[in-house]
Amino acid sequence: MLIANNNQVETINLTTVEGRAFQGNVTMKVMMAGENMNMLEIRYPAGSSSPPHAHRHESVCYVISGKIKGTIEGESVILGPGDACRHPEGVEHSVEALEDSLILEIKSPAQPLDEFIGPG
């Protein structure tokens, strides 16, 4: 896939990440799946969160809208529109939505999403 129209991309309800449960109705769209990376659009309603977890890939996250508390290796920071963070491979991290939030996340190297994300 070389082009993705957002209104044509399936919305997936997320239940788990790395076998641990999300809190709230977190949803994701796989905007682009490449040979070496995946680009995900993730919506976190206010009060929702991901559990502390680590992956076998690196991630970079960019906050499009809203406000989140990101925790990486036990250190928390508040991120808003235009802010970004990186989750190195094997490093524990989590996200808590302080407001309705939209995040763009790019993961590399690409691995099958069903290996670490449980759709609902």
PDB file of N, CA and C in Angstrom:
ATOM      1  N   MET A   1       0.848  -1.167   0.000  1.00  0.00           N
ATOM      2  CA  MET A   1       0.000   0.000   0.000  1.00  0.00           C
ATOM      3  C   MET A   1       0.898   1.237   0.000  1.00  0.00           C
ATOM      4  N   LEU A   2       0.634   2.154  -0.908  1.00  0.00           N
ATOM      5  CA  LEU A   2       1.415   3.378  -1.005  1.00  0.00           C
ATOM      6  C   LEU A   2       0.635   4.609  -0.564  1.00  0.00           C
ATOM      7  N   ILE A   3      -0.691   4.527  -0.584  1.00  0.00           N
ATOM      8  CA  ILE A   3      -1.542   5.644  -0.184  1.00  0.00           C
ATOM      9  C   ILE A   3      -2.673   5.109   0.691  1.00  0.00           C
ATOM     10  N   ALA A   4      -2.998   5.840   1.749  1.00  0.00           N
ATOM     11  CA  ALA A   4      -4.121   5.457   2.616  1.00  0.00           C
ATOM     12  C   ALA A   4      -5.037   6.650   2.804  1.00  0.00           C
ATOM     13  N   ASN A   5      -6.316   6.474   2.543  1.00  0.00           N
ATOM     14  CA  ASN A   5      -7.325   7.489   2.825  1.00  0.00           C
ATOM     15  C   ASN A   5      -7.931   7.163   4.185  1.00  0.00           C
ATOM     16  N   ASN A   6      -7.770   8.076   5.141  1.00  0.00           N
ATOM     17  CA  ASN A   6      -8.157   7.815   6.520  1.00  0.00           C
ATOM     18  C   ASN A   6      -9.572   7.282   6.651  1.00  0.00           C
ATOM     19  N   ASN A   7     -10.519   7.845   5.894  1.00  0.00           N
ATOM     20  CA  ASN A   7     -11.912   7.422   6.034  1.00  0.00           C
ATOM     21  C   ASN A   7     -12.164   6.020   5.479  1.00  0.00           C
ATOM     22  N   GLN A   8     -11.178   5.424   4.833  1.00  0.00           N
ATOM     23  CA  GLN A   8     -11.320   4.072   4.302  1.00  0.00           C
ATOM     24  C   GLN A   8     -10.527   3.032   5.104  1.00  0.00           C
ATOM     25  N   VAL A   9      -9.818   3.477   6.143  1.00  0.00           N
ATOM     26  CA  VAL A   9      -9.004   2.570   6.956  1.00  0.00           C
ATOM     27  C   VAL A   9      -9.834   2.058   8.131  1.00  0.00           C
ATOM     28  N   GLU A  10      -9.795   0.759   8.333  1.00  0.00           N
ATOM     29  CA  GLU A  10     -10.562   0.113   9.406  1.00  0.00           C
ATOM     30  C   GLU A  10     -10.112   0.587  10.783  1.00  0.00           C
ATOM     31  N   THR A  11     -11.081   0.870  11.660  1.00  0.00           N
ATOM     32  CA  THR A  11     -10.807   1.200  13.056  1.00  0.00           C
ATOM     33  C   THR A  11     -10.846  -0.088  13.862  1.00  0.00           C
ATOM     34  N   ILE A  12      -9.801  -0.316  14.645  1.00  0.00           N
ATOM     35  CA  ILE A  12      -9.672  -1.529  15.454  1.00  0.00           C
ATOM     36  C   ILE A  12      -9.764  -1.141  16.930  1.00  0.00           C
ATOM     37  N   ASN A  13     -10.649  -1.806  17.676  1.00  0.00           N
ATOM     38  CA  ASN A  13     -10.715  -1.607  19.130  1.00  0.00           C
ATOM     39  C   ASN A  13      -9.619  -2.441  19.766  1.00  0.00           C
ATOM     40  N   LEU A  14      -8.805  -1.800  20.590  1.00  0.00           N
ATOM     41  CA  LEU A  14      -7.691  -2.502  21.223  1.00  0.00           C
ATOM     42  C   LEU A  14      -8.076  -2.985  22.616  1.00  0.00           C
ATOM     43  N   THR A  15      -7.697  -4.215  22.935  1.00  0.00           N
ATOM     44  CA  THR A  15      -7.968  -4.765  24.264  1.00  0.00           C
ATOM     45  C   THR A  15      -6.680  -5.005  25.045  1.00  0.00           C
ATOM     46  N   THR A  16      -5.625  -5.437  24.352  1.00  0.00           N
ATOM     47  CA  THR A  16      -4.364  -5.726  25.038  1.00  0.00           C
ATOM     48  C   THR A  16      -3.174  -5.262  24.205  1.00  0.00           C
ATOM     49  N   VAL A  17      -2.062  -5.051  24.901  1.00  0.00           N
ATOM     50  CA  VAL A  17      -0.773  -4.802  24.269  1.00  0.00           C
ATOM     51  C   VAL A  17       0.252  -5.617  25.057  1.00  0.00           C
ATOM     52  N   GLU A  18       1.006  -6.430  24.349  1.00  0.00           N
ATOM     53  CA  GLU A  18       1.971  -7.343  24.977  1.00  0.00           C
ATOM     54  C   GLU A  18       1.308  -8.162  26.090  1.00  0.00           C
ATOM     55  N   GLY A  19       0.032  -8.543  25.880  1.00  0.00           N
ATOM     56  CA  GLY A  19      -0.692  -9.394  26.817  1.00  0.00           C
ATOM     57  C   GLY A  19      -1.281  -8.680  28.018  1.00  0.00           C
ATOM     58  N   ARG A  20      -1.167  -7.366  28.079  1.00  0.00           N
ATOM     59  CA  ARG A  20      -1.691  -6.588  29.203  1.00  0.00           C
ATOM     60  C   ARG A  20      -2.858  -5.727  28.725  1.00  0.00           C
ATOM     61  N   ALA A  21      -3.870  -5.563  29.567  1.00  0.00           N
ATOM     62  CA  ALA A  21      -5.121  -4.907  29.169  1.00  0.00           C
ATOM     63  C   ALA A  21      -5.026  -3.386  29.123  1.00  0.00           C
ATOM     64  N   PHE A  22      -5.605  -2.809  28.057  1.00  0.00           N
ATOM     65  CA  PHE A  22      -5.832  -1.365  27.983  1.00  0.00           C
ATOM     66  C   PHE A  22      -6.955  -1.017  28.942  1.00  0.00           C
ATOM     67  N   GLN A  23      -6.983   0.222  29.412  1.00  0.00           N
ATOM     68  CA  GLN A  23      -8.089   0.764  30.180  1.00  0.00           C
ATOM     69  C   GLN A  23      -8.826   1.738  29.266  1.00  0.00           C
ATOM     70  N   GLY A  24     -10.138   1.570  29.118  1.00  0.00           N
ATOM     71  CA  GLY A  24     -10.919   2.460  28.279  1.00  0.00           C
ATOM     72  C   GLY A  24     -11.019   1.963  26.846  1.00  0.00           C
ATOM     73  N   ASN A  25     -11.673   2.769  26.014  1.00  0.00           N
ATOM     74  CA  ASN A  25     -11.962   2.391  24.632  1.00  0.00           C
ATOM     75  C   ASN A  25     -10.903   2.953  23.680  1.00  0.00           C
ATOM     76  N   VAL A  26      -9.724   2.362  23.691  1.00  0.00           N
ATOM     77  CA  VAL A  26      -8.619   2.798  22.838  1.00  0.00           C
ATOM     78  C   VAL A  26      -8.790   2.161  21.460  1.00  0.00           C
ATOM     79  N   THR A  27      -8.662   2.990  20.406  1.00  0.00           N
ATOM     80  CA  THR A  27      -8.816   2.484  19.039  1.00  0.00           C
ATOM     81  C   THR A  27      -7.586   2.829  18.208  1.00  0.00           C
ATOM     82  N   MET A  28      -7.413   2.061  17.129  1.00  0.00           N
ATOM     83  CA  MET A  28      -6.244   2.216  16.287  1.00  0.00           C
ATOM     84  C   MET A  28      -6.619   2.034  14.825  1.00  0.00           C
ATOM     85  N   LYS A  29      -5.937   2.770  13.952  1.00  0.00           N
ATOM     86  CA  LYS A  29      -5.998   2.548  12.517  1.00  0.00           C
ATOM     87  C   LYS A  29      -4.579   2.281  12.035  1.00  0.00           C
ATOM     88  N   VAL A  30      -4.399   1.233  11.249  1.00  0.00           N
ATOM     89  CA  VAL A  30      -3.103   0.968  10.633  1.00  0.00           C
ATOM     90  C   VAL A  30      -3.084   1.804   9.351  1.00  0.00           C
ATOM     91  N   MET A  31      -2.491   2.992   9.449  1.00  0.00           N
ATOM     92  CA  MET A  31      -2.509   3.911   8.318  1.00  0.00           C
ATOM     93  C   MET A  31      -1.571   3.457   7.202  1.00  0.00           C
ATOM     94  N   MET A  32      -0.469   2.818   7.570  1.00  0.00           N
ATOM     95  CA  MET A  32       0.481   2.353   6.569  1.00  0.00           C
ATOM     96  C   MET A  32       1.270   1.192   7.160  1.00  0.00           C
ATOM     97  N   ALA A  33       1.359   0.113   6.399  1.00  0.00           N
ATOM     98  CA  ALA A  33       2.174  -1.038   6.798  1.00  0.00           C
ATOM     99  C   ALA A  33       3.247  -1.210   5.734  1.00  0.00           C
ATOM    100  N   GLY A  34       4.487  -0.986   6.116  1.00  0.00           N
ATOM    101  CA  GLY A  34       5.599  -1.097   5.183  1.00  0.00           C
ATOM    102  C   GLY A  34       6.441  -2.315   5.459  1.00  0.00           C
ATOM    103  N   GLU A  35       7.482  -2.475   4.689  1.00  0.00           N
ATOM    104  CA  GLU A  35       8.395  -3.604   4.882  1.00  0.00           C
ATOM    105  C   GLU A  35       9.232  -3.431   6.147  1.00  0.00           C
ATOM    106  N   ASN A  36       9.543  -2.180   6.502  1.00  0.00           N
ATOM    107  CA  ASN A  36      10.432  -1.917   7.628  1.00  0.00           C
ATOM    108  C   ASN A  36       9.797  -1.130   8.769  1.00  0.00           C
ATOM    109  N   MET A  37       8.555  -0.673   8.581  1.00  0.00           N
ATOM    110  CA  MET A  37       7.894   0.105   9.620  1.00  0.00           C
ATOM    111  C   MET A  37       6.382   0.031   9.455  1.00  0.00           C
ATOM    112  N   ASN A  38       5.683   0.357  10.547  1.00  0.00           N
ATOM    113  CA  ASN A  38       4.228   0.492  10.545  1.00  0.00           C
ATOM    114  C   ASN A  38       3.893   1.869  11.086  1.00  0.00           C
ATOM    115  N   MET A  39       2.880   2.520  10.504  1.00  0.00           N
ATOM    116  CA  MET A  39       2.412   3.808  10.992  1.00  0.00           C
ATOM    117  C   MET A  39       0.984   3.633  11.491  1.00  0.00           C
ATOM    118  N   LEU A  40       0.769   3.963  12.760  1.00  0.00           N
ATOM    119  CA  LEU A  40      -0.521   3.760  13.409  1.00  0.00           C
ATOM    120  C   LEU A  40      -1.095   5.083  13.886  1.00  0.00           C
ATOM    121  N   GLU A  41      -2.405   5.238  13.736  1.00  0.00           N
ATOM    122  CA  GLU A  41      -3.134   6.355  14.320  1.00  0.00           C
ATOM    123  C   GLU A  41      -3.876   5.778  15.521  1.00  0.00           C
ATOM    124  N   ILE A  42      -3.604   6.280  16.709  1.00  0.00           N
ATOM    125  CA  ILE A  42      -4.197   5.726  17.925  1.00  0.00           C
ATOM    126  C   ILE A  42      -4.988   6.812  18.646  1.00  0.00           C
ATOM    127  N   ARG A  43      -6.251   6.491  18.978  1.00  0.00           N
ATOM    128  CA  ARG A  43      -7.121   7.414  19.716  1.00  0.00           C
ATOM    129  C   ARG A  43      -7.270   6.917  21.156  1.00  0.00           C
ATOM    130  N   TYR A  44      -6.944   7.807  22.077  1.00  0.00           N
ATOM    131  CA  TYR A  44      -7.096   7.548  23.504  1.00  0.00           C
ATOM    132  C   TYR A  44      -8.143   8.514  24.048  1.00  0.00           C
ATOM    133  N   PRO A  45      -9.348   8.047  24.391  1.00  0.00           N
ATOM    134  CA  PRO A  45     -10.308   8.937  25.054  1.00  0.00           C
ATOM    135  C   PRO A  45      -9.773   9.353  26.432  1.00  0.00           C
ATOM    136  N   ALA A  46     -10.187  10.505  26.903  1.00  0.00           N
ATOM    137  CA  ALA A  46      -9.765  10.979  28.227  1.00  0.00           C
ATOM    138  C   ALA A  46      -9.974   9.884  29.262  1.00  0.00           C
ATOM    139  N   GLY A  47      -8.972   9.650  30.092  1.00  0.00           N
ATOM    140  CA  GLY A  47      -9.057   8.636  31.145  1.00  0.00           C
ATOM    141  C   GLY A  47      -8.612   7.253  30.717  1.00  0.00           C
ATOM    142  N   SER A  48      -8.425   7.023  29.427  1.00  0.00           N
ATOM    143  CA  SER A  48      -7.969   5.705  28.975  1.00  0.00           C
ATOM    144  C   SER A  48      -6.446   5.625  29.081  1.00  0.00           C
ATOM    145  N   SER A  49      -5.923   4.399  29.035  1.00  0.00           N
ATOM    146  CA  SER A  49      -4.471   4.244  29.158  1.00  0.00           C
ATOM    147  C   SER A  49      -4.017   2.891  28.635  1.00  0.00           C
ATOM    148  N   SER A  50      -2.737   2.857  28.319  1.00  0.00           N
ATOM    149  CA  SER A  50      -2.088   1.580  28.020  1.00  0.00           C
ATOM    150  C   SER A  50      -1.363   1.141  29.292  1.00  0.00           C
ATOM    151  N   PRO A  51      -1.236  -0.162  29.498  1.00  0.00           N
ATOM    152  CA  PRO A  51      -0.501  -0.641  30.669  1.00  0.00           C
ATOM    153  C   PRO A  51       1.001  -0.492  30.425  1.00  0.00           C
ATOM    154  N   PRO A  52       1.819  -0.494  31.471  1.00  0.00           N
ATOM    155  CA  PRO A  52       3.268  -0.527  31.255  1.00  0.00           C
ATOM    156  C   PRO A  52       3.625  -1.779  30.444  1.00  0.00           C
ATOM    157  N   HIS A  53       4.412  -1.593  29.378  1.00  0.00           N
ATOM    158  CA  HIS A  53       4.788  -2.701  28.511  1.00  0.00           C
ATOM    159  C   HIS A  53       6.049  -2.338  27.728  1.00  0.00           C
ATOM    160  N   ALA A  54       6.677  -3.325  27.113  1.00  0.00           N
ATOM    161  CA  ALA A  54       7.854  -3.126  26.271  1.00  0.00           C
ATOM    162  C   ALA A  54       7.687  -3.961  25.012  1.00  0.00           C
ATOM    163  N   HIS A  55       8.331  -3.523  23.918  1.00  0.00           N
ATOM    164  CA  HIS A  55       8.228  -4.211  22.635  1.00  0.00           C
ATOM    165  C   HIS A  55       9.589  -4.681  22.136  1.00  0.00           C
ATOM    166  N   ARG A  56       9.541  -5.496  21.078  1.00  0.00           N
ATOM    167  CA  ARG A  56      10.753  -5.929  20.374  1.00  0.00           C
ATOM    168  C   ARG A  56      11.044  -5.005  19.193  1.00  0.00           C
ATOM    169  N   HIS A  57      10.496  -3.811  19.204  1.00  0.00           N
ATOM    170  CA  HIS A  57      10.739  -2.823  18.163  1.00  0.00           C
ATOM    171  C   HIS A  57      10.837  -1.447  18.814  1.00  0.00           C
ATOM    172  N   GLU A  58      11.322  -0.494  18.066  1.00  0.00           N
ATOM    173  CA  GLU A  58      11.383   0.891  18.509  1.00  0.00           C
ATOM    174  C   GLU A  58      10.137   1.619  18.029  1.00  0.00           C
ATOM    175  N   SER A  59       9.673   2.599  18.802  1.00  0.00           N
ATOM    176  CA  SER A  59       8.526   3.408  18.412  1.00  0.00           C
ATOM    177  C   SER A  59       8.850   4.880  18.589  1.00  0.00           C
ATOM    178  N   VAL A  60       8.313   5.701  17.682  1.00  0.00           N
ATOM    179  CA  VAL A  60       8.296   7.138  17.895  1.00  0.00           C
ATOM    180  C   VAL A  60       6.834   7.558  17.863  1.00  0.00           C
ATOM    181  N   CYS A  61       6.462   8.449  18.766  1.00  0.00           N
ATOM    182  CA  CYS A  61       5.076   8.898  18.892  1.00  0.00           C
ATOM    183  C   CYS A  61       5.023  10.411  18.747  1.00  0.00           C
ATOM    184  N   TYR A  62       3.988  10.879  18.049  1.00  0.00           N
ATOM    185  CA  TYR A  62       3.765  12.304  17.840  1.00  0.00           C
ATOM    186  C   TYR A  62       2.326  12.598  18.239  1.00  0.00           C
ATOM    187  N   VAL A  63       2.138  13.545  19.146  1.00  0.00           N
ATOM    188  CA  VAL A  63       0.798  13.904  19.608  1.00  0.00           C
ATOM    189  C   VAL A  63       0.190  14.899  18.616  1.00  0.00           C
ATOM    190  N   ILE A  64      -0.911  14.493  18.005  1.00  0.00           N
ATOM    191  CA  ILE A  64      -1.614  15.359  17.057  1.00  0.00           C
ATOM    192  C   ILE A  64      -2.563  16.285  17.800  1.00  0.00           C
ATOM    193  N   SER A  65      -3.317  15.725  18.752  1.00  0.00           N
ATOM    194  CA  SER A  65      -4.256  16.537  19.537  1.00  0.00           C
ATOM    195  C   SER A  65      -4.425  15.918  20.909  1.00  0.00           C
ATOM    196  N   GLY A  66      -4.870  16.746  21.853  1.00  0.00           N
ATOM    197  CA  GLY A  66      -5.106  16.276  23.214  1.00  0.00           C
ATOM    198  C   GLY A  66      -3.888  16.445  24.092  1.00  0.00           C
ATOM    199  N   LYS A  67      -3.921  15.762  25.234  1.00  0.00           N
ATOM    200  CA  LYS A  67      -2.819  15.823  26.196  1.00  0.00           C
ATOM    201  C   LYS A  67      -2.678  14.453  26.833  1.00  0.00           C
ATOM    202  N   ILE A  68      -1.463  13.939  26.856  1.00  0.00           N
ATOM    203  CA  ILE A  68      -1.194  12.634  27.456  1.00  0.00           C
ATOM    204  C   ILE A  68      -0.096  12.735  28.507  1.00  0.00           C
ATOM    205  N   LYS A  69      -0.114  11.759  29.397  1.00  0.00           N
ATOM    206  CA  LYS A  69       1.019  11.564  30.292  1.00  0.00           C
ATOM    207  C   LYS A  69       1.737  10.324  29.768  1.00  0.00           C
ATOM    208  N   GLY A  70       2.949  10.516  29.296  1.00  0.00           N
ATOM    209  CA  GLY A  70       3.749   9.396  28.826  1.00  0.00           C
ATOM    210  C   GLY A  70       4.765   9.028  29.886  1.00  0.00           C
ATOM    211  N   THR A  71       4.906   7.739  30.131  1.00  0.00           N
ATOM    212  CA  THR A  71       5.890   7.267  31.093  1.00  0.00           C
ATOM    213  C   THR A  71       6.844   6.334  30.370  1.00  0.00           C
ATOM    214  N   ILE A  72       8.142   6.642  30.451  1.00  0.00           N
ATOM    215  CA  ILE A  72       9.183   5.849  29.801  1.00  0.00           C
ATOM    216  C   ILE A  72      10.242   5.554  30.841  1.00  0.00           C
ATOM    217  N   GLU A  73      10.492   4.269  31.097  1.00  0.00           N
ATOM    218  CA  GLU A  73      11.438   3.824  32.122  1.00  0.00           C
ATOM    219  C   GLU A  73      11.165   4.482  33.467  1.00  0.00           C
ATOM    220  N   GLY A  74       9.869   4.625  33.818  1.00  0.00           N
ATOM    221  CA  GLY A  74       9.491   5.165  35.120  1.00  0.00           C
ATOM    222  C   GLY A  74       9.476   6.679  35.199  1.00  0.00           C
ATOM    223  N   GLU A  75       9.906   7.382  34.149  1.00  0.00           N
ATOM    224  CA  GLU A  75       9.905   8.841  34.140  1.00  0.00           C
ATOM    225  C   GLU A  75       8.691   9.340  33.358  1.00  0.00           C
ATOM    226  N   SER A  76       7.863  10.169  33.997  1.00  0.00           N
ATOM    227  CA  SER A  76       6.630  10.665  33.369  1.00  0.00           C
ATOM    228  C   SER A  76       6.815  12.077  32.844  1.00  0.00           C
ATOM    229  N   VAL A  77       6.138  12.362  31.726  1.00  0.00           N
ATOM    230  CA  VAL A  77       6.165  13.684  31.118  1.00  0.00           C
ATOM    231  C   VAL A  77       4.796  13.942  30.499  1.00  0.00           C
ATOM    232  N   ILE A  78       4.357  15.196  30.518  1.00  0.00           N
ATOM    233  CA  ILE A  78       3.099  15.589  29.890  1.00  0.00           C
ATOM    234  C   ILE A  78       3.414  16.050  28.466  1.00  0.00           C
ATOM    235  N   LEU A  79       2.691  15.496  27.503  1.00  0.00           N
ATOM    236  CA  LEU A  79       2.889  15.830  26.093  1.00  0.00           C
ATOM    237  C   LEU A  79       1.586  16.340  25.500  1.00  0.00           C
ATOM    238  N   GLY A  80       1.682  17.377  24.675  1.00  0.00           N
ATOM    239  CA  GLY A  80       0.527  17.934  23.995  1.00  0.00           C
ATOM    240  C   GLY A  80       0.778  18.022  22.503  1.00  0.00           C
ATOM    241  N   PRO A  81      -0.124  18.682  21.768  1.00  0.00           N
ATOM    242  CA  PRO A  81      -0.001  18.763  20.314  1.00  0.00           C
ATOM    243  C   PRO A  81       1.377  19.261  19.875  1.00  0.00           C
ATOM    244  N   GLY A  82       1.974  18.525  18.953  1.00  0.00           N
ATOM    245  CA  GLY A  82       3.288  18.875  18.428  1.00  0.00           C
ATOM    246  C   GLY A  82       4.444  18.258  19.186  1.00  0.00           C
ATOM    247  N   ASP A  83       4.179  17.634  20.336  1.00  0.00           N
ATOM    248  CA  ASP A  83       5.237  16.991  21.115  1.00  0.00           C
ATOM    249  C   ASP A  83       5.439  15.561  20.650  1.00  0.00           C
ATOM    250  N   ALA A  84       6.642  15.037  20.873  1.00  0.00           N
ATOM    251  CA  ALA A  84       6.979  13.681  20.443  1.00  0.00           C
ATOM    252  C   ALA A  84       7.818  12.993  21.502  1.00  0.00           C
ATOM    253  N   CYS A  85       7.829  11.664  21.440  1.00  0.00           N
ATOM    254  CA  CYS A  85       8.687  10.872  22.319  1.00  0.00           C
ATOM    255  C   CYS A  85       9.112   9.605  21.570  1.00  0.00           C
ATOM    256  N   ARG A  86      10.103   8.920  22.129  1.00  0.00           N
ATOM    257  CA  ARG A  86      10.610   7.681  21.534  1.00  0.00           C
ATOM    258  C   ARG A  86      10.617   6.596  22.595  1.00  0.00           C
ATOM    259  N   HIS A  87      10.204   5.399  22.197  1.00  0.00           N
ATOM    260  CA  HIS A  87      10.258   4.227  23.063  1.00  0.00           C
ATOM    261  C   HIS A  87      11.286   3.269  22.453  1.00  0.00           C
ATOM    262  N   PRO A  88      12.498   3.210  23.006  1.00  0.00           N
ATOM    263  CA  PRO A  88      13.477   2.271  22.469  1.00  0.00           C
ATOM    264  C   PRO A  88      13.026   0.818  22.638  1.00  0.00           C
ATOM    265  N   GLU A  89      13.557  -0.056  21.838  1.00  0.00           N
ATOM    266  CA  GLU A  89      13.253  -1.483  21.935  1.00  0.00           C
ATOM    267  C   GLU A  89      13.557  -1.990  23.340  1.00  0.00           C
ATOM    268  N   GLY A  90      12.615  -2.741  23.920  1.00  0.00           N
ATOM    269  CA  GLY A  90      12.816  -3.358  25.221  1.00  0.00           C
ATOM    270  C   GLY A  90      12.638  -2.446  26.415  1.00  0.00           C
ATOM    271  N   VAL A  91      12.277  -1.190  26.205  1.00  0.00           N
ATOM    272  CA  VAL A  91      12.127  -0.226  27.303  1.00  0.00           C
ATOM    273  C   VAL A  91      10.649  -0.114  27.680  1.00  0.00           C
ATOM    274  N   GLU A  92      10.352  -0.274  28.969  1.00  0.00           N
ATOM    275  CA  GLU A  92       8.967  -0.213  29.432  1.00  0.00           C
ATOM    276  C   GLU A  92       8.425   1.213  29.314  1.00  0.00           C
ATOM    277  N   HIS A  93       7.171   1.302  28.827  1.00  0.00           N
ATOM    278  CA  HIS A  93       6.520   2.594  28.644  1.00  0.00           C
ATOM    279  C   HIS A  93       5.012   2.425  28.754  1.00  0.00           C
ATOM    280  N   SER A  94       4.310   3.554  28.926  1.00  0.00           N
ATOM    281  CA  SER A  94       2.845   3.550  28.975  1.00  0.00           C
ATOM    282  C   SER A  94       2.330   4.935  28.597  1.00  0.00           C
ATOM    283  N   VAL A  95       1.031   5.002  28.303  1.00  0.00           N
ATOM    284  CA  VAL A  95       0.364   6.253  27.932  1.00  0.00           C
ATOM    285  C   VAL A  95      -0.913   6.367  28.742  1.00  0.00           C
ATOM    286  N   GLU A  96      -1.183   7.559  29.263  1.00  0.00           N
ATOM    287  CA  GLU A  96      -2.450   7.861  29.926  1.00  0.00           C
ATOM    288  C   GLU A  96      -3.009   9.125  29.289  1.00  0.00           C
ATOM    289  N   ALA A  97      -4.247   9.077  28.819  1.00  0.00           N
ATOM    290  CA  ALA A  97      -4.863  10.242  28.180  1.00  0.00           C
ATOM    291  C   ALA A  97      -5.463  11.166  29.237  1.00  0.00           C
ATOM    292  N   LEU A  98      -4.947  12.379  29.315  1.00  0.00           N
ATOM    293  CA  LEU A  98      -5.485  13.385  30.230  1.00  0.00           C
ATOM    294  C   LEU A  98      -6.665  14.109  29.591  1.00  0.00           C
ATOM    295  N   GLU A  99      -6.695  14.090  28.251  1.00  0.00           N
ATOM    296  CA  GLU A  99      -7.785  14.626  27.439  1.00  0.00           C
ATOM    297  C   GLU A  99      -7.995  13.648  26.293  1.00  0.00           C
ATOM    298  N   ASP A 100      -9.097  13.781  25.552  1.00  0.00           N
ATOM    299  CA  ASP A 100      -9.238  12.995  24.328  1.00  0.00           C
ATOM    300  C   ASP A 100      -8.006  13.282  23.476  1.00  0.00           C
ATOM    301  N   SER A 101      -7.300  12.246  23.049  1.00  0.00           N
ATOM    302  CA  SER A 101      -6.016  12.436  22.377  1.00  0.00           C
ATOM    303  C   SER A 101      -5.901  11.589  21.120  1.00  0.00           C
ATOM    304  N   LEU A 102      -5.179  12.129  20.152  1.00  0.00           N
ATOM    305  CA  LEU A 102      -4.881  11.441  18.906  1.00  0.00           C
ATOM    306  C   LEU A 102      -3.375  11.423  18.736  1.00  0.00           C
ATOM    307  N   ILE A 103      -2.829  10.215  18.554  1.00  0.00           N
ATOM    308  CA  ILE A 103      -1.380  10.030  18.468  1.00  0.00           C
ATOM    309  C   ILE A 103      -1.042   9.322  17.166  1.00  0.00           C
ATOM    310  N   LEU A 104       0.035   9.749  16.537  1.00  0.00           N
ATOM    311  CA  LEU A 104       0.593   9.047  15.391  1.00  0.00           C
ATOM    312  C   LEU A 104       1.815   8.305  15.898  1.00  0.00           C
ATOM    313  N   GLU A 105       1.864   6.990  15.677  1.00  0.00           N
ATOM    314  CA  GLU A 105       2.975   6.181  16.175  1.00  0.00           C
ATOM    315  C   GLU A 105       3.587   5.407  15.014  1.00  0.00           C
ATOM    316  N   ILE A 106       4.908   5.465  14.918  1.00  0.00           N
ATOM    317  CA  ILE A 106       5.633   4.726  13.891  1.00  0.00           C
ATOM    318  C   ILE A 106       6.518   3.710  14.594  1.00  0.00           C
ATOM    319  N   LYS A 107       6.393   2.451  14.162  1.00  0.00           N
ATOM    320  CA  LYS A 107       7.113   1.338  14.782  1.00  0.00           C
ATOM    321  C   LYS A 107       8.051   0.709  13.760  1.00  0.00           C
ATOM    322  N   SER A 108       9.288   0.448  14.194  1.00  0.00           N
ATOM    323  CA  SER A 108      10.267  -0.170  13.305  1.00  0.00           C
ATOM    324  C   SER A 108      11.228  -1.021  14.140  1.00  0.00           C
ATOM    325  N   PRO A 109      11.651  -2.179  13.664  1.00  0.00           N
ATOM    326  CA  PRO A 109      11.248  -2.771  12.394  1.00  0.00           C
ATOM    327  C   PRO A 109       9.808  -3.274  12.470  1.00  0.00           C
ATOM    328  N   ALA A 110       9.194  -3.382  11.311  1.00  0.00           N
ATOM    329  CA  ALA A 110       7.815  -3.862  11.252  1.00  0.00           C
ATOM    330  C   ALA A 110       7.747  -5.290  11.767  1.00  0.00           C
ATOM    331  N   GLN A 111       6.748  -5.562  12.595  1.00  0.00           N
ATOM    332  CA  GLN A 111       6.465  -6.932  13.000  1.00  0.00           C
ATOM    333  C   GLN A 111       4.952  -7.084  12.927  1.00  0.00           C
ATOM    334  N   PRO A 112       4.478  -8.286  12.721  1.00  0.00           N
ATOM    335  CA  PRO A 112       3.022  -8.459  12.642  1.00  0.00           C
ATOM    336  C   PRO A 112       2.349  -7.895  13.890  1.00  0.00           C
ATOM    337  N   LEU A 113       1.343  -7.041  13.688  1.00  0.00           N
ATOM    338  CA  LEU A 113       0.687  -6.393  14.813  1.00  0.00           C
ATOM    339  C   LEU A 113       0.053  -7.381  15.770  1.00  0.00           C
ATOM    340  N   ASP A 114      -0.442  -8.513  15.235  1.00  0.00           N
ATOM    341  CA  ASP A 114      -1.089  -9.487  16.112  1.00  0.00           C
ATOM    342  C   ASP A 114      -0.106 -10.186  17.049  1.00  0.00           C
ATOM    343  N   GLU A 115       1.201  -9.936  16.883  1.00  0.00           N
ATOM    344  CA  GLU A 115       2.185 -10.493  17.811  1.00  0.00           C
ATOM    345  C   GLU A 115       2.253  -9.715  19.108  1.00  0.00           C
ATOM    346  N   PHE A 116       1.773  -8.455  19.113  1.00  0.00           N
ATOM    347  CA  PHE A 116       1.852  -7.676  20.345  1.00  0.00           C
ATOM    348  C   PHE A 116       0.592  -6.895  20.682  1.00  0.00           C
ATOM    349  N   ILE A 117      -0.348  -6.780  19.745  1.00  0.00           N
ATOM    350  CA  ILE A 117      -1.589  -6.049  20.006  1.00  0.00           C
ATOM    351  C   ILE A 117      -2.770  -6.994  19.883  1.00  0.00           C
ATOM    352  N   GLY A 118      -3.661  -6.951  20.871  1.00  0.00           N
ATOM    353  CA  GLY A 118      -4.867  -7.769  20.834  1.00  0.00           C
ATOM    354  C   GLY A 118      -6.077  -6.942  20.457  1.00  0.00           C
ATOM    355  N   PRO A 119      -6.632  -7.145  19.255  1.00  0.00           N
ATOM    356  CA  PRO A 119      -7.831  -6.410  18.874  1.00  0.00           C
ATOM    357  C   PRO A 119      -9.058  -6.929  19.603  1.00  0.00           C
ATOM    358  N   GLY A 120     -10.029  -6.059  19.782  1.00  0.00           N
ATOM    359  CA  GLY A 120     -11.256  -6.441  20.465  1.00  0.00           C
ATOM    360  C   GLY A 120     -12.350  -6.811  19.512  1.00  0.00           C
TER     361      GLY A 120
END
